[in-house]
Amino acid sequence: MGYMFVYGPCYGCGRVFAFNASHVPSIPINGVREPICRACVEQANPHRVKNGLAPIVIHPEAYEPEEVH
């Protein structure tokens, strides 16, 4: 048993961050799910709510290592 992080750029800000590929918030861009960092989700949520959209809910394990078997 082990653990893994995926590292990649946030689609919102471009900053490289570590995330759990199974739980990270993402948005579809040209049919591909692109990951979003916590800071960008927190920045986007007030705008989403203001525009009548549901806020993005961050899974508790979104930015934690994923267990692999």
N, C-alpha and C. Protein backbone atom coordinates (compact mmCIF):
# COMPACT_ATOMS: atom_id res chain seq x y z
N MET A 1 0.85 -1.17 0.00
CA MET A 1 0.00 0.00 0.00
C MET A 1 0.90 1.24 0.00
N GLY A 2 0.42 2.28 -0.67
CA GLY A 2 1.17 3.53 -0.71
C GLY A 2 0.22 4.69 -0.94
N TYR A 3 0.80 5.86 -1.11
CA TYR A 3 0.02 7.07 -1.33
C TYR A 3 0.62 7.84 -2.49
N MET A 4 -0.23 8.59 -3.19
CA MET A 4 0.28 9.40 -4.29
C MET A 4 -0.45 10.73 -4.36
N PHE A 5 0.26 11.73 -4.81
CA PHE A 5 -0.29 13.03 -5.17
C PHE A 5 -0.13 13.16 -6.67
N VAL A 6 -1.00 13.89 -7.29
CA VAL A 6 -0.83 14.32 -8.67
C VAL A 6 -0.43 15.79 -8.59
N TYR A 7 0.54 16.18 -9.39
CA TYR A 7 0.95 17.58 -9.46
C TYR A 7 0.60 18.10 -10.85
N GLY A 8 0.01 19.27 -10.88
CA GLY A 8 -0.33 19.88 -12.15
C GLY A 8 -0.72 21.32 -11.97
N PRO A 9 -0.86 22.06 -13.07
CA PRO A 9 -1.23 23.46 -12.97
C PRO A 9 -2.74 23.63 -12.76
N CYS A 10 -3.08 24.63 -11.98
CA CYS A 10 -4.48 25.00 -11.79
C CYS A 10 -4.94 25.69 -13.07
N TYR A 11 -6.12 25.33 -13.55
CA TYR A 11 -6.62 25.96 -14.77
C TYR A 11 -6.91 27.44 -14.53
N GLY A 12 -7.28 27.79 -13.31
CA GLY A 12 -7.64 29.18 -13.01
C GLY A 12 -6.45 30.12 -12.94
N CYS A 13 -5.43 29.74 -12.16
CA CYS A 13 -4.31 30.66 -11.91
C CYS A 13 -2.98 30.19 -12.51
N GLY A 14 -2.91 28.93 -12.93
CA GLY A 14 -1.68 28.42 -13.53
C GLY A 14 -0.65 27.92 -12.54
N ARG A 15 -0.88 28.12 -11.25
CA ARG A 15 0.06 27.68 -10.23
C ARG A 15 0.04 26.15 -10.13
N VAL A 16 1.21 25.53 -10.04
CA VAL A 16 1.29 24.08 -9.88
C VAL A 16 0.94 23.73 -8.43
N PHE A 17 0.08 22.72 -8.27
CA PHE A 17 -0.33 22.30 -6.93
C PHE A 17 -0.51 20.80 -6.89
N ALA A 18 -0.54 20.25 -5.67
CA ALA A 18 -0.73 18.82 -5.47
C ALA A 18 -2.20 18.54 -5.19
N PHE A 19 -2.71 17.45 -5.76
CA PHE A 19 -4.11 17.13 -5.55
C PHE A 19 -4.37 15.63 -5.67
N ASN A 20 -5.53 15.24 -5.20
CA ASN A 20 -6.03 13.88 -5.30
C ASN A 20 -6.85 13.83 -6.59
N ALA A 21 -6.41 13.08 -7.56
CA ALA A 21 -7.06 13.06 -8.87
C ALA A 21 -8.51 12.60 -8.81
N SER A 22 -8.86 11.81 -7.82
CA SER A 22 -10.24 11.31 -7.71
C SER A 22 -11.20 12.34 -7.13
N HIS A 23 -10.69 13.34 -6.43
CA HIS A 23 -11.58 14.25 -5.70
C HIS A 23 -11.36 15.74 -5.96
N VAL A 24 -10.35 16.12 -6.71
CA VAL A 24 -10.08 17.54 -6.93
C VAL A 24 -11.22 18.19 -7.72
N PRO A 25 -11.63 19.42 -7.35
CA PRO A 25 -12.62 20.11 -8.18
C PRO A 25 -12.02 20.37 -9.56
N SER A 26 -12.86 20.27 -10.57
CA SER A 26 -12.37 20.49 -11.93
C SER A 26 -13.49 21.08 -12.78
N ILE A 27 -13.09 21.64 -13.91
CA ILE A 27 -14.05 22.19 -14.85
C ILE A 27 -13.77 21.61 -16.23
N PRO A 28 -14.82 21.41 -17.03
CA PRO A 28 -14.60 20.87 -18.38
C PRO A 28 -14.14 21.96 -19.35
N ILE A 29 -13.02 21.71 -19.98
CA ILE A 29 -12.48 22.60 -21.01
C ILE A 29 -12.24 21.74 -22.25
N ASN A 30 -12.99 22.01 -23.31
CA ASN A 30 -12.87 21.22 -24.56
C ASN A 30 -12.95 19.72 -24.29
N GLY A 31 -13.86 19.32 -23.41
CA GLY A 31 -14.09 17.90 -23.13
C GLY A 31 -13.10 17.27 -22.17
N VAL A 32 -12.18 18.06 -21.62
CA VAL A 32 -11.18 17.54 -20.67
C VAL A 32 -11.41 18.20 -19.32
N ARG A 33 -11.44 17.39 -18.25
CA ARG A 33 -11.61 17.93 -16.90
C ARG A 33 -10.28 18.55 -16.45
N GLU A 34 -10.28 19.83 -16.13
CA GLU A 34 -9.07 20.54 -15.71
C GLU A 34 -9.16 20.86 -14.21
N PRO A 35 -8.10 20.56 -13.44
CA PRO A 35 -8.14 20.76 -11.99
C PRO A 35 -8.09 22.23 -11.59
N ILE A 36 -8.71 22.52 -10.43
CA ILE A 36 -8.76 23.87 -9.90
C ILE A 36 -8.24 23.84 -8.46
N CYS A 37 -7.36 24.77 -8.11
CA CYS A 37 -6.80 24.82 -6.76
C CYS A 37 -7.81 25.39 -5.77
N ARG A 38 -7.55 25.19 -4.49
CA ARG A 38 -8.44 25.66 -3.43
C ARG A 38 -8.63 27.18 -3.49
N ALA A 39 -7.56 27.93 -3.70
CA ALA A 39 -7.66 29.39 -3.74
C ALA A 39 -8.59 29.85 -4.85
N CYS A 40 -8.51 29.22 -6.01
CA CYS A 40 -9.38 29.62 -7.12
C CYS A 40 -10.83 29.23 -6.86
N VAL A 41 -11.06 28.09 -6.24
CA VAL A 41 -12.43 27.70 -5.88
C VAL A 41 -13.01 28.72 -4.90
N GLU A 42 -12.22 29.07 -3.89
CA GLU A 42 -12.69 30.03 -2.89
C GLU A 42 -12.94 31.41 -3.50
N GLN A 43 -12.17 31.77 -4.50
CA GLN A 43 -12.37 33.05 -5.18
C GLN A 43 -13.59 32.99 -6.09
N ALA A 44 -13.84 31.85 -6.73
CA ALA A 44 -14.95 31.73 -7.67
C ALA A 44 -16.31 31.58 -6.99
N ASN A 45 -16.35 30.95 -5.82
CA ASN A 45 -17.64 30.65 -5.20
C ASN A 45 -18.53 31.86 -4.95
N PRO A 46 -18.03 32.97 -4.42
CA PRO A 46 -18.93 34.13 -4.25
C PRO A 46 -19.54 34.60 -5.57
N HIS A 47 -18.77 34.55 -6.65
CA HIS A 47 -19.27 34.95 -7.96
C HIS A 47 -20.32 33.97 -8.46
N ARG A 48 -20.09 32.68 -8.21
CA ARG A 48 -21.06 31.66 -8.61
C ARG A 48 -22.38 31.88 -7.89
N VAL A 49 -22.33 32.08 -6.59
CA VAL A 49 -23.55 32.29 -5.81
C VAL A 49 -24.27 33.56 -6.27
N LYS A 50 -23.52 34.62 -6.50
CA LYS A 50 -24.09 35.89 -6.96
C LYS A 50 -24.82 35.70 -8.29
N ASN A 51 -24.33 34.79 -9.14
CA ASN A 51 -24.92 34.53 -10.44
C ASN A 51 -25.96 33.41 -10.42
N GLY A 52 -26.34 32.97 -9.21
CA GLY A 52 -27.39 31.96 -9.09
C GLY A 52 -26.92 30.53 -9.26
N LEU A 53 -25.63 30.31 -9.25
CA LEU A 53 -25.08 28.96 -9.37
C LEU A 53 -24.73 28.42 -8.00
N ALA A 54 -24.73 27.12 -7.87
CA ALA A 54 -24.32 26.49 -6.62
C ALA A 54 -22.82 26.67 -6.44
N PRO A 55 -22.37 26.86 -5.20
CA PRO A 55 -20.92 26.94 -4.98
C PRO A 55 -20.27 25.58 -5.24
N ILE A 56 -19.02 25.61 -5.61
CA ILE A 56 -18.25 24.36 -5.77
C ILE A 56 -17.93 23.86 -4.37
N VAL A 57 -18.30 22.62 -4.09
CA VAL A 57 -18.02 22.01 -2.80
C VAL A 57 -16.71 21.24 -2.91
N ILE A 58 -15.78 21.57 -2.04
CA ILE A 58 -14.47 20.90 -2.05
C ILE A 58 -14.56 19.63 -1.22
N HIS A 59 -14.29 18.51 -1.85
CA HIS A 59 -14.26 17.22 -1.16
C HIS A 59 -13.16 17.27 -0.09
N PRO A 60 -13.40 16.68 1.08
CA PRO A 60 -12.38 16.72 2.16
C PRO A 60 -11.02 16.14 1.76
N GLU A 61 -11.00 15.26 0.77
CA GLU A 61 -9.73 14.64 0.35
C GLU A 61 -9.18 15.24 -0.94
N ALA A 62 -9.74 16.33 -1.41
CA ALA A 62 -9.36 16.89 -2.70
C ALA A 62 -7.89 17.25 -2.81
N TYR A 63 -7.31 17.70 -1.71
CA TYR A 63 -5.91 18.13 -1.74
C TYR A 63 -5.05 17.29 -0.81
N GLU A 64 -5.48 16.06 -0.57
CA GLU A 64 -4.77 15.09 0.26
C GLU A 64 -4.23 13.98 -0.63
N PRO A 65 -3.23 13.23 -0.18
CA PRO A 65 -2.72 12.12 -0.99
C PRO A 65 -3.79 11.04 -1.16
N GLU A 66 -3.73 10.37 -2.30
CA GLU A 66 -4.65 9.28 -2.60
C GLU A 66 -3.99 7.95 -2.25
N GLU A 67 -4.73 7.09 -1.56
CA GLU A 67 -4.21 5.78 -1.22
C GLU A 67 -4.24 4.88 -2.44
N VAL A 68 -3.15 4.20 -2.71
CA VAL A 68 -3.05 3.25 -3.83
C VAL A 68 -2.69 1.89 -3.28
N HIS A 69 -3.21 0.87 -3.93
CA HIS A 69 -2.97 -0.51 -3.45
C HIS A 69 -2.06 -1.25 -4.40
